[in-house]
Amino acid sequence: MARAQGDVAGRQGPVAFQTFEDQRSRRPEPVATARFLARTQQRPEYARGDIIVEAPTDPSGWRGTGAGPAVPVDDRPPAESVSGNRLLTVILFFAGLGTSVALWVFDTQAGAISDTATLMMAVGRVTGLIGGYLLFIQLLMMSRVSWLEEWVGARDLLRWHRWLGTSLVVAVLTHIVFIVFGYAKTAQTGVVQQGIDIITTLPDMISATVATVLLVVISLLSIRAARTKLPYELWHLTHLAAYLVLLLGYGHQVATGADLSGPYAKFFWPGLGALVIAALFWGRLVEPVWLNARHRFTVGEVVPEGANTFSIYIDGKDLERLPARAGQFMRWRFLTRNGWWQSHPFSLSAAPNSDWLRLTVTVAGGHTARLGELEPGTPVWAEGPFGTFTAQHRTRRRALLIAGGSGIAPIRALLEDMPPDTIVIYRASRPDELVFREELEDLAERRDAWVRYIVGSRADAGPRRLFTPEGMLGLVPDINRRDVYLCGPPGLVGAAVNTLRQLDVPDSQMHLDPFEF
């Protein structure tokens, strides 16, 4: 999920940086990198923000330009957990899966499986039922209905969607193989000839074949190696074909699936279908229409932030009623001649307020490049907000926020909602890539937080040390007593998670928002 991220926004003039309250009434203008770096040389000795480098002779292993302490240690008891409970979701999923198979078991007469052929056809029917159930669940997770996003979280929905997508393809292909071989063995014919006979003689089999081909294509394009090379627009378009898979494939199940017409199955399957269709209707149509009718979003201003980065300020009505929180993202559709049909997820790069919303775009393709040319007043269609990457899901009294590259956007927004003594670790390749720096340090000063910059290439000593147990403990001695929020490229997030687990940070204290699609 390619997530556009934040950049620097400060005020031109003699004042170094306005407070965020001042920004709510006046949009900040971009701060030039030269001015930005010049001010860093005049920072006080105990600056809240500091570029940190490796220092083997220091007990912590790190040294900054200031002489202040690295971080305080949290010796207070943890807060009560308010994180979402995913266990019920998992239980409901497996309960539904078990029911779909149990209905076949109850409707199968004793002695019906008597030889290899009938066993193969039984396996084929069971895997067909599993495939049908997984397809419904996949579409439910794609519905974008708000209660599901809030309960499970966008990241877990994405992770489960990928895992279930692979399982769905395996179940469908297994269903095809066992059914064809079972029929061929019963009819004493060749497998290829039996496959042709099934496609050409049984009702709705041609459409089911097309659905299977579409499903395999979608699965292949979802492999990470292929997905990272695809433009987001093409990836999104191919995934819309999942609706065709349901329409084409479910007709075959109804026409030839006797297992869907038992005394209990005739209620279970239509009920499941009605739930999914209702969720799709509500999440894809009702909620977005209501949101946009109430707020009437338009482009307020486009502000260049760097060579490939710019901020888009969104105006709207009654923005104080928008149920968005810092750290969340929304799906934005800019209603221009060339872009109205494309919807992209972008994080809010500042906590929502009653005057404007801010999202910041890093150019990653033709569509995102054209967004930099948006005119003020351009209508915007939005969906959301989505995600549980918020301060409300903390489980501890203190927090650590780790950002890599453009992942600083939701991290910067989150800092507005975090408790005192929050630590921000910001990883960048060069000092001029440290976006949001003045805003971060102003927020850190006002919220009693700390910002630590780790700058350099992957081969440099400091960046290499960062994601080691010793390096992380040197910066955050009480790390396993903090909630950790991670946003950045998948490689950075993966390295950080591996280090956190070595330091015995529970998964319940990790909040991940890798911006990929």
Protein backbone atom coordinates (compact mmCIF):
# COMPACT_ATOMS: atom_id res chain seq x y z
CA MET A 1 0.00 0.00 0.00
CA ALA A 2 2.08 3.03 -1.16
CA ARG A 3 1.42 5.68 1.40
CA ALA A 4 2.34 9.33 0.67
CA GLN A 5 4.08 11.03 3.53
CA GLY A 6 4.94 14.35 5.16
CA ASP A 7 7.49 17.07 4.71
CA VAL A 8 8.60 20.33 6.25
CA ALA A 9 6.12 23.15 6.65
CA GLY A 10 7.14 26.28 8.54
CA ARG A 11 6.63 30.04 8.25
CA GLN A 12 8.84 32.34 6.25
CA GLY A 13 10.08 35.31 8.27
CA PRO A 14 12.07 36.16 11.37
CA VAL A 15 10.21 33.69 13.60
CA ALA A 16 11.81 30.25 13.39
CA PHE A 17 8.58 28.26 13.70
CA GLN A 18 5.01 28.98 14.66
CA THR A 19 3.23 26.82 17.17
CA PHE A 20 0.75 24.34 15.81
CA GLU A 21 -2.12 26.37 17.25
CA ASP A 22 -1.00 29.30 15.06
CA GLN A 23 -0.82 27.01 12.04
CA ARG A 24 -4.47 26.09 12.40
CA SER A 25 -5.44 29.61 11.32
CA ARG A 26 -2.68 30.09 8.76
CA ARG A 27 -1.18 27.47 6.47
CA PRO A 28 2.57 27.31 6.87
CA GLU A 29 4.79 28.00 3.91
CA PRO A 30 7.70 25.70 3.03
CA VAL A 31 11.05 26.31 4.71
CA ALA A 32 14.10 26.23 2.45
CA THR A 33 16.63 23.56 3.26
CA ALA A 34 19.46 26.13 3.48
CA ARG A 35 17.65 28.16 6.15
CA PHE A 36 16.64 24.96 7.80
CA LEU A 37 20.20 23.65 8.11
CA ALA A 38 21.53 27.02 9.16
CA ARG A 39 19.22 27.08 12.15
CA THR A 40 20.34 23.62 13.23
CA GLN A 41 23.82 25.04 13.90
CA GLN A 42 22.37 27.46 16.45
CA ARG A 43 20.44 24.95 18.51
CA PRO A 44 20.88 25.01 22.31
CA GLU A 45 23.13 22.51 23.98
CA TYR A 46 20.20 20.50 25.35
CA ALA A 47 18.13 20.54 22.16
CA ARG A 48 15.09 18.27 22.07
CA GLY A 49 16.17 17.17 18.61
CA ASP A 50 19.67 16.00 17.84
CA ILE A 51 21.55 14.15 15.11
CA ILE A 52 23.02 11.07 16.80
CA VAL A 53 26.19 9.28 15.68
CA GLU A 54 27.92 6.14 16.87
CA ALA A 55 30.36 6.66 19.77
CA PRO A 56 32.08 3.41 20.88
CA THR A 57 33.64 5.13 23.91
CA ASP A 58 30.31 6.36 25.29
CA PRO A 59 28.48 3.98 27.67
CA SER A 60 25.33 4.24 25.54
CA GLY A 61 27.23 3.77 22.28
CA TRP A 62 25.85 7.05 20.89
CA ARG A 63 26.88 10.69 20.90
CA GLY A 64 24.95 13.80 19.85
CA THR A 65 25.93 17.38 19.17
CA GLY A 66 24.27 18.37 22.45
CA ALA A 67 25.30 17.30 25.94
CA GLY A 68 21.84 16.37 27.18
CA PRO A 69 20.95 12.90 28.42
CA ALA A 70 19.91 10.36 25.81
CA VAL A 71 16.49 9.56 27.27
CA PRO A 72 14.86 9.08 30.66
CA VAL A 73 14.04 5.58 31.89
CA ASP A 74 10.40 4.72 32.57
CA ASP A 75 9.99 3.09 35.97
CA ARG A 76 6.24 3.65 36.26
CA PRO A 77 3.70 0.85 35.93
CA PRO A 78 2.11 0.33 32.52
CA ALA A 79 -1.25 1.77 31.57
CA GLU A 80 -4.24 -0.41 30.89
CA SER A 81 -4.39 -1.81 27.40
CA VAL A 82 -6.85 -0.25 24.99
CA SER A 83 -5.64 -2.10 21.89
CA GLY A 84 -8.16 -3.89 19.71
CA ASN A 85 -8.92 -7.49 20.51
CA ARG A 86 -8.32 -9.52 17.35
CA LEU A 87 -9.00 -12.87 19.01
CA LEU A 88 -12.76 -12.66 18.46
CA THR A 89 -12.22 -11.93 14.77
CA VAL A 90 -10.05 -15.02 14.41
CA ILE A 91 -12.55 -17.16 16.31
CA LEU A 92 -15.43 -15.96 14.12
CA PHE A 93 -13.43 -16.68 10.97
CA PHE A 94 -12.63 -20.26 11.93
CA ALA A 95 -16.15 -20.81 13.25
CA GLY A 96 -17.53 -19.85 9.84
CA LEU A 97 -14.95 -22.00 8.06
CA GLY A 98 -15.76 -24.95 10.29
CA THR A 99 -19.49 -24.46 9.70
CA SER A 100 -19.08 -24.46 5.92
CA VAL A 101 -17.31 -27.85 6.09
CA ALA A 102 -19.54 -29.27 8.85
CA LEU A 103 -22.65 -28.67 6.75
CA TRP A 104 -21.18 -30.92 4.06
CA VAL A 105 -20.32 -33.59 6.64
CA PHE A 106 -23.87 -33.60 8.06
CA ASP A 107 -25.40 -33.84 4.58
CA THR A 108 -23.14 -36.71 3.46
CA GLN A 109 -24.67 -40.13 3.97
CA ALA A 110 -22.69 -42.89 5.65
CA GLY A 111 -20.93 -45.05 3.09
CA ALA A 112 -20.94 -42.36 0.41
CA ILE A 113 -17.14 -42.44 0.36
CA SER A 114 -16.38 -46.02 -0.61
CA ASP A 115 -13.44 -45.94 -3.00
CA THR A 116 -10.66 -43.76 -4.35
CA ALA A 117 -12.89 -41.98 -6.86
CA THR A 118 -15.51 -40.97 -4.30
CA LEU A 119 -12.77 -39.94 -1.85
CA MET A 120 -11.20 -37.69 -4.47
CA MET A 121 -14.54 -36.11 -5.30
CA ALA A 122 -15.22 -35.60 -1.58
CA VAL A 123 -11.91 -33.77 -1.20
CA GLY A 124 -12.78 -31.73 -4.27
CA ARG A 125 -16.17 -30.73 -2.83
CA VAL A 126 -14.73 -29.80 0.56
CA THR A 127 -11.97 -27.65 -0.96
CA GLY A 128 -14.59 -26.04 -3.20
CA LEU A 129 -16.64 -25.08 -0.15
CA ILE A 130 -13.50 -23.73 1.56
CA GLY A 131 -12.66 -21.73 -1.56
CA GLY A 132 -16.17 -20.28 -1.70
CA TYR A 133 -16.03 -19.28 1.97
CA LEU A 134 -12.58 -17.69 1.60
CA LEU A 135 -13.77 -15.70 -1.42
CA PHE A 136 -16.62 -14.25 0.63
CA ILE A 137 -14.23 -13.34 3.45
CA GLN A 138 -11.80 -11.76 1.01
CA LEU A 139 -14.55 -9.52 -0.34
CA LEU A 140 -15.67 -8.69 3.19
CA MET A 141 -12.15 -7.48 3.99
CA MET A 142 -12.20 -5.37 0.81
CA SER A 143 -15.49 -3.72 1.76
CA ARG A 144 -13.82 -0.84 3.68
CA VAL A 145 -16.71 -0.84 6.12
CA SER A 146 -15.66 1.35 9.04
CA TRP A 147 -16.46 -1.04 11.91
CA LEU A 148 -14.21 -3.73 10.44
CA GLU A 149 -11.34 -1.32 9.83
CA GLU A 150 -11.61 0.00 13.39
CA TRP A 151 -11.87 -3.42 15.00
CA VAL A 152 -9.16 -5.26 13.09
CA GLY A 153 -7.01 -2.45 11.71
CA ALA A 154 -5.98 -1.73 8.13
CA ARG A 155 -2.58 -3.39 8.48
CA ASP A 156 -3.94 -6.68 9.82
CA LEU A 157 -6.67 -6.66 7.17
CA LEU A 158 -3.98 -6.27 4.52
CA ARG A 159 -1.87 -9.05 6.02
CA TRP A 160 -4.82 -11.42 6.37
CA HIS A 161 -6.04 -10.53 2.89
CA ARG A 162 -2.72 -11.64 1.40
CA TRP A 163 -2.56 -14.84 3.41
CA LEU A 164 -6.17 -15.76 2.60
CA GLY A 165 -5.62 -14.86 -1.05
CA THR A 166 -2.91 -17.53 -1.31
CA SER A 167 -5.10 -20.01 0.56
CA LEU A 168 -8.01 -19.23 -1.76
CA VAL A 169 -5.98 -19.97 -4.88
CA VAL A 170 -4.66 -23.23 -3.38
CA ALA A 171 -8.20 -24.30 -2.36
CA VAL A 172 -9.67 -23.55 -5.80
CA LEU A 173 -6.89 -25.33 -7.71
CA THR A 174 -7.10 -28.31 -5.34
CA HIS A 175 -10.87 -28.40 -5.90
CA ILE A 176 -10.39 -28.47 -9.68
CA VAL A 177 -7.71 -31.18 -9.64
CA PHE A 178 -9.55 -33.57 -7.31
CA ILE A 179 -12.93 -33.11 -9.01
CA VAL A 180 -11.51 -33.73 -12.48
CA PHE A 181 -9.46 -36.75 -11.38
CA GLY A 182 -12.40 -38.13 -9.40
CA TYR A 183 -14.79 -37.86 -12.35
CA ALA A 184 -12.18 -39.28 -14.73
CA LYS A 185 -11.63 -42.30 -12.50
CA THR A 186 -15.36 -42.89 -12.18
CA ALA A 187 -15.97 -42.58 -15.93
CA GLN A 188 -12.79 -44.46 -16.83
CA THR A 189 -11.69 -41.69 -19.19
CA GLY A 190 -8.58 -39.59 -19.59
CA VAL A 191 -8.05 -36.61 -17.31
CA VAL A 192 -7.77 -34.07 -20.13
CA GLN A 193 -10.86 -35.37 -21.91
CA GLN A 194 -12.78 -35.38 -18.62
CA GLY A 195 -11.76 -31.79 -17.95
CA ILE A 196 -13.00 -30.73 -21.38
CA ASP A 197 -16.27 -32.60 -20.85
CA ILE A 198 -16.84 -30.91 -17.48
CA ILE A 199 -16.24 -27.43 -18.93
CA THR A 200 -18.44 -27.95 -21.98
CA THR A 201 -21.31 -29.94 -20.47
CA LEU A 202 -21.92 -28.81 -16.88
CA PRO A 203 -23.84 -25.52 -16.39
CA ASP A 204 -21.88 -22.30 -15.75
CA MET A 205 -18.53 -24.05 -16.08
CA ILE A 206 -17.19 -21.69 -18.74
CA SER A 207 -17.77 -18.71 -16.45
CA ALA A 208 -16.20 -20.65 -13.57
CA THR A 209 -13.13 -21.30 -15.73
CA VAL A 210 -12.82 -17.60 -16.51
CA ALA A 211 -13.16 -16.82 -12.79
CA THR A 212 -10.35 -19.26 -12.00
CA VAL A 213 -8.04 -17.69 -14.59
CA LEU A 214 -8.76 -14.22 -13.17
CA LEU A 215 -8.08 -15.46 -9.65
CA VAL A 216 -4.71 -16.93 -10.63
CA VAL A 217 -3.70 -13.74 -12.47
CA ILE A 218 -4.61 -11.60 -9.43
CA SER A 219 -2.62 -13.94 -7.20
CA LEU A 220 0.48 -13.79 -9.41
CA LEU A 221 0.36 -9.98 -9.57
CA SER A 222 0.13 -9.86 -5.77
CA ILE A 223 3.49 -11.58 -5.29
CA ARG A 224 5.86 -9.04 -3.72
CA ALA A 225 8.38 -9.24 -6.57
CA ALA A 226 5.68 -8.34 -9.10
CA ARG A 227 3.75 -5.95 -6.86
CA THR A 228 6.73 -3.68 -6.21
CA LYS A 229 7.23 -3.21 -9.97
CA LEU A 230 3.60 -2.45 -10.76
CA PRO A 231 2.13 1.05 -10.78
CA TYR A 232 -0.46 1.39 -8.05
CA GLU A 233 -3.09 2.19 -10.69
CA LEU A 234 -2.60 -1.12 -12.52
CA TRP A 235 -2.50 -3.11 -9.28
CA HIS A 236 -5.75 -1.49 -8.13
CA LEU A 237 -7.45 -2.14 -11.48
CA THR A 238 -6.55 -5.84 -11.51
CA HIS A 239 -7.86 -6.28 -7.97
CA LEU A 240 -11.24 -4.89 -8.97
CA ALA A 241 -11.56 -8.11 -11.01
CA ALA A 242 -12.16 -9.92 -7.70
CA TYR A 243 -15.78 -8.84 -7.98
CA LEU A 244 -15.98 -10.63 -11.32
CA VAL A 245 -14.54 -13.74 -9.70
CA LEU A 246 -17.45 -13.76 -7.27
CA LEU A 247 -20.08 -13.17 -9.95
CA LEU A 248 -18.66 -15.72 -12.37
CA GLY A 249 -17.67 -18.36 -9.83
CA TYR A 250 -20.66 -18.29 -7.53
CA GLY A 251 -23.06 -19.01 -10.39
CA HIS A 252 -21.23 -22.31 -10.87
CA GLN A 253 -21.55 -23.14 -7.18
CA VAL A 254 -25.28 -22.48 -7.18
CA ALA A 255 -25.88 -24.40 -10.40
CA THR A 256 -23.81 -27.51 -9.65
CA GLY A 257 -23.13 -27.37 -5.91
CA ALA A 258 -25.58 -29.69 -4.20
CA ASP A 259 -23.71 -28.99 -0.96
CA LEU A 260 -25.19 -25.48 -0.95
CA SER A 261 -28.79 -26.65 -0.89
CA GLY A 262 -28.98 -28.78 2.28
CA PRO A 263 -31.50 -28.01 5.03
CA TYR A 264 -29.03 -25.77 6.88
CA ALA A 265 -26.70 -24.83 4.02
CA LYS A 266 -29.54 -23.07 2.20
CA PHE A 267 -29.61 -20.57 5.08
CA PHE A 268 -25.88 -20.36 5.83
CA TRP A 269 -24.61 -19.53 2.36
CA PRO A 270 -27.27 -16.95 1.40
CA GLY A 271 -26.85 -15.39 4.86
CA LEU A 272 -23.08 -15.12 4.39
CA GLY A 273 -23.60 -13.68 0.92
CA ALA A 274 -26.09 -11.12 2.23
CA LEU A 275 -23.62 -10.03 4.94
CA VAL A 276 -20.84 -9.51 2.41
CA ILE A 277 -23.04 -7.67 -0.07
CA ALA A 278 -24.42 -5.43 2.70
CA ALA A 279 -20.88 -4.64 3.90
CA LEU A 280 -19.74 -3.83 0.36
CA PHE A 281 -22.79 -1.62 -0.21
CA TRP A 282 -22.30 0.19 3.09
CA GLY A 283 -18.51 0.54 3.00
CA ARG A 284 -18.12 1.31 -0.70
CA LEU A 285 -21.22 3.46 -1.25
CA VAL A 286 -23.21 4.63 1.78
CA GLU A 287 -20.36 5.74 4.06
CA PRO A 288 -18.36 7.56 1.31
CA VAL A 289 -21.48 9.34 -0.01
CA TRP A 290 -22.42 10.49 3.48
CA LEU A 291 -18.84 11.62 4.27
CA ASN A 292 -18.44 13.67 1.09
CA ALA A 293 -21.94 15.15 1.18
CA ARG A 294 -21.27 16.39 4.71
CA HIS A 295 -17.74 17.78 4.21
CA ARG A 296 -17.54 18.69 0.49
CA PHE A 297 -13.77 18.42 0.25
CA THR A 298 -11.82 20.60 -2.18
CA VAL A 299 -8.15 21.32 -2.81
CA GLY A 300 -7.19 24.44 -0.87
CA GLU A 301 -3.54 24.76 -1.84
CA VAL A 302 -0.61 22.75 -3.16
CA VAL A 303 2.72 23.62 -1.51
CA PRO A 304 6.05 22.35 -2.93
CA GLU A 305 8.18 20.77 -0.22
CA GLY A 306 11.17 19.40 -2.11
CA ALA A 307 12.33 17.96 -5.40
CA ASN A 308 9.76 15.13 -5.38
CA THR A 309 7.51 16.07 -2.49
CA PHE A 310 4.62 18.45 -2.01
CA SER A 311 1.79 19.01 0.45
CA ILE A 312 -1.88 19.22 -0.45
CA TYR A 313 -4.11 21.17 1.90
CA ILE A 314 -7.73 20.04 1.84
CA ASP A 315 -10.55 22.43 2.66
CA GLY A 316 -14.02 21.31 3.64
CA LYS A 317 -17.13 22.01 5.64
CA ASP A 318 -17.53 21.03 9.30
CA LEU A 319 -14.08 19.43 9.48
CA GLU A 320 -14.35 19.35 13.26
CA ARG A 321 -16.95 16.59 12.77
CA LEU A 322 -14.59 14.41 10.74
CA PRO A 323 -13.93 11.29 12.85
CA ALA A 324 -10.22 11.19 12.02
CA ARG A 325 -7.25 10.84 14.36
CA ALA A 326 -3.56 11.52 14.01
CA GLY A 327 -1.83 8.51 12.43
CA GLN A 328 -4.78 7.46 10.25
CA PHE A 329 -4.98 7.58 6.48
CA MET A 330 -7.75 8.22 3.96
CA ARG A 331 -8.26 7.22 0.35
CA TRP A 332 -8.31 10.28 -1.88
CA ARG A 333 -9.77 10.64 -5.36
CA PHE A 334 -9.07 13.99 -7.02
CA LEU A 335 -11.84 14.72 -9.52
CA THR A 336 -9.80 15.91 -12.49
CA ARG A 337 -10.15 14.83 -16.09
CA ASN A 338 -7.19 12.45 -15.89
CA GLY A 339 -7.40 11.34 -12.28
CA TRP A 340 -11.04 11.00 -11.21
CA TRP A 341 -10.99 7.22 -11.62
CA GLN A 342 -7.95 6.63 -9.38
CA SER A 343 -8.09 6.36 -5.58
CA HIS A 344 -4.88 6.45 -3.54
CA PRO A 345 -4.26 6.05 0.21
CA PHE A 346 -2.40 8.97 1.77
CA SER A 347 -1.67 9.51 5.45
CA LEU A 348 -2.64 12.72 7.16
CA SER A 349 0.65 14.55 7.73
CA ALA A 350 -0.77 16.67 10.55
CA ALA A 351 -3.39 15.94 13.16
CA PRO A 352 -6.83 16.84 11.80
CA ASN A 353 -8.22 20.23 12.79
CA SER A 354 -11.29 22.33 12.11
CA ASP A 355 -9.70 24.45 9.34
CA TRP A 356 -7.85 22.09 7.00
CA LEU A 357 -6.42 18.64 6.44
CA ARG A 358 -2.91 18.09 5.20
CA LEU A 359 -1.53 15.20 3.22
CA THR A 360 1.92 15.12 1.68
CA VAL A 361 2.73 13.29 -1.51
CA THR A 362 6.04 11.77 -2.56
CA VAL A 363 6.05 11.27 -6.32
CA ALA A 364 5.94 7.54 -7.12
CA GLY A 365 4.31 7.45 -10.56
CA GLY A 366 2.47 9.40 -13.19
CA HIS A 367 -0.66 9.94 -11.12
CA THR A 368 1.15 11.25 -8.04
CA ALA A 369 3.27 13.54 -10.23
CA ARG A 370 0.11 15.09 -11.71
CA LEU A 371 -1.25 15.77 -8.22
CA GLY A 372 1.38 18.48 -7.88
CA GLU A 373 -0.45 20.42 -10.61
CA LEU A 374 -3.83 20.44 -8.87
CA GLU A 375 -5.65 23.76 -8.92
CA PRO A 376 -7.27 25.24 -5.80
CA GLY A 377 -10.96 24.42 -5.74
CA THR A 378 -10.55 21.00 -7.38
CA PRO A 379 -13.26 18.70 -5.94
CA VAL A 380 -11.98 15.79 -3.87
CA TRP A 381 -13.73 12.49 -3.09
CA ALA A 382 -12.45 10.90 0.12
CA GLU A 383 -13.03 7.61 1.92
CA GLY A 384 -12.13 6.86 5.51
CA PRO A 385 -10.53 7.53 7.86
CA PHE A 386 -8.88 4.12 8.19
CA GLY A 387 -6.34 2.46 10.45
CA THR A 388 -5.58 1.80 14.10
CA PHE A 389 -2.16 3.45 13.96
CA THR A 390 -3.27 5.93 16.62
CA ALA A 391 -2.39 7.00 20.13
CA GLN A 392 -5.69 5.54 21.35
CA HIS A 393 -4.26 2.04 20.86
CA ARG A 394 -1.36 2.52 23.26
CA THR A 395 -0.86 -0.11 25.94
CA ARG A 396 1.91 1.64 27.92
CA ARG A 397 2.41 5.08 29.45
CA ARG A 398 5.28 6.04 27.16
CA ALA A 399 5.92 5.57 23.48
CA LEU A 400 8.71 5.24 20.92
CA LEU A 401 8.02 6.43 17.37
CA ILE A 402 10.33 5.14 14.63
CA ALA A 403 10.16 6.61 11.14
CA GLY A 404 12.12 5.86 8.02
CA GLY A 405 12.28 8.27 5.09
CA SER A 406 8.87 9.58 4.12
CA GLY A 407 7.28 7.51 6.88
CA ILE A 408 7.76 10.54 9.11
CA ALA A 409 4.34 11.93 8.05
CA PRO A 410 2.02 9.86 10.26
CA ILE A 411 4.73 9.79 12.95
CA ARG A 412 4.81 13.59 13.01
CA ALA A 413 1.02 13.67 13.29
CA LEU A 414 1.09 11.06 16.06
CA LEU A 415 3.50 13.12 18.14
CA GLU A 416 0.70 15.62 18.71
CA ASP A 417 -1.30 12.95 20.57
CA MET A 418 1.50 11.20 22.45
CA PRO A 419 2.28 11.46 26.20
CA PRO A 420 5.32 13.20 27.74
CA ASP A 421 8.75 11.58 27.31
CA THR A 422 7.86 10.15 23.92
CA ILE A 423 10.97 9.42 21.84
CA VAL A 424 11.10 9.84 18.06
CA ILE A 425 13.84 8.06 16.09
CA TYR A 426 14.00 9.38 12.54
CA ARG A 427 16.14 7.56 9.97
CA ALA A 428 17.27 9.37 6.81
CA SER A 429 20.09 9.05 4.30
CA ARG A 430 21.17 12.71 4.28
CA PRO A 431 20.59 15.75 6.52
CA ASP A 432 18.65 17.53 3.75
CA GLU A 433 16.18 14.62 3.75
CA LEU A 434 15.15 15.33 7.33
CA VAL A 435 11.73 16.75 6.59
CA PHE A 436 9.41 18.09 9.29
CA ARG A 437 12.38 18.87 11.50
CA GLU A 438 11.26 22.23 12.86
CA GLU A 439 7.73 20.99 13.47
CA LEU A 440 9.04 17.92 15.24
CA GLU A 441 11.29 19.87 17.54
CA ASP A 442 8.66 22.48 18.30
CA LEU A 443 6.23 19.71 19.23
CA ALA A 444 8.94 17.93 21.23
CA GLU A 445 9.64 21.10 23.22
CA ARG A 446 5.98 21.69 24.01
CA ARG A 447 5.14 18.04 24.72
CA ASP A 448 8.30 17.13 26.66
CA ALA A 449 9.40 14.67 23.99
CA TRP A 450 12.74 13.81 22.36
CA VAL A 451 13.74 13.52 18.69
CA ARG A 452 16.83 11.56 17.63
CA TYR A 453 18.02 11.63 13.99
CA ILE A 454 20.06 8.76 12.59
CA VAL A 455 21.57 9.99 9.34
CA GLY A 456 23.76 8.19 6.82
CA SER A 457 23.90 5.39 4.30
CA ARG A 458 23.23 1.79 5.20
CA ALA A 459 26.98 1.14 5.27
CA ASP A 460 27.67 3.87 7.84
CA ALA A 461 28.39 2.86 11.42
CA GLY A 462 25.47 4.69 13.04
CA PRO A 463 22.68 3.35 10.78
CA ARG A 464 24.15 -0.15 11.01
CA ARG A 465 24.18 0.07 14.79
CA LEU A 466 20.63 1.43 15.07
CA PHE A 467 18.75 -1.82 14.48
CA THR A 468 20.86 -3.94 16.80
CA PRO A 469 19.83 -4.74 20.37
CA GLU A 470 22.77 -2.80 21.78
CA GLY A 471 22.16 0.21 19.56
CA MET A 472 18.45 0.40 20.29
CA LEU A 473 18.97 0.01 24.05
CA GLY A 474 21.57 2.78 23.96
CA LEU A 475 18.93 5.17 22.64
CA VAL A 476 15.91 3.80 24.51
CA PRO A 477 16.93 1.94 27.70
CA ASP A 478 13.30 1.24 28.71
CA ILE A 479 12.19 0.12 25.27
CA ASN A 480 10.28 -2.97 26.40
CA ARG A 481 8.12 -0.74 28.59
CA ARG A 482 7.01 1.43 25.69
CA ASP A 483 4.58 1.18 22.82
CA VAL A 484 6.54 1.26 19.57
CA TYR A 485 5.05 2.83 16.44
CA LEU A 486 6.84 1.99 13.18
CA CYS A 487 6.34 3.56 9.77
CA GLY A 488 8.74 3.32 6.87
CA PRO A 489 9.88 1.13 3.99
CA PRO A 490 9.29 -2.62 4.47
CA GLY A 491 13.02 -3.28 4.93
CA LEU A 492 13.30 -0.80 7.77
CA VAL A 493 10.13 -2.03 9.44
CA GLY A 494 11.26 -5.64 9.18
CA ALA A 495 14.70 -4.89 10.65
CA ALA A 496 13.15 -2.90 13.49
CA VAL A 497 10.63 -5.63 14.34
CA ASN A 498 13.39 -8.24 14.45
CA THR A 499 15.41 -6.08 16.86
CA LEU A 500 12.38 -5.34 19.05
CA ARG A 501 11.61 -9.03 19.39
CA GLN A 502 15.20 -9.71 20.45
CA LEU A 503 14.66 -7.09 23.15
CA ASP A 504 11.51 -8.89 24.35
CA VAL A 505 9.10 -6.18 23.22
CA PRO A 506 5.69 -7.94 23.03
CA ASP A 507 3.84 -7.89 19.73
CA SER A 508 0.95 -6.19 21.53
CA GLN A 509 3.21 -3.15 22.06
CA MET A 510 4.21 -2.91 18.38
CA HIS A 511 2.09 -0.82 16.04
CA LEU A 512 3.15 -1.16 12.43
CA ASP A 513 2.12 0.90 9.44
CA PRO A 514 4.41 -0.08 6.55
CA PHE A 515 3.33 2.07 3.60
CA GLU A 516 2.95 -0.46 0.82
CA PHE A 517 0.02 -1.72 -1.21
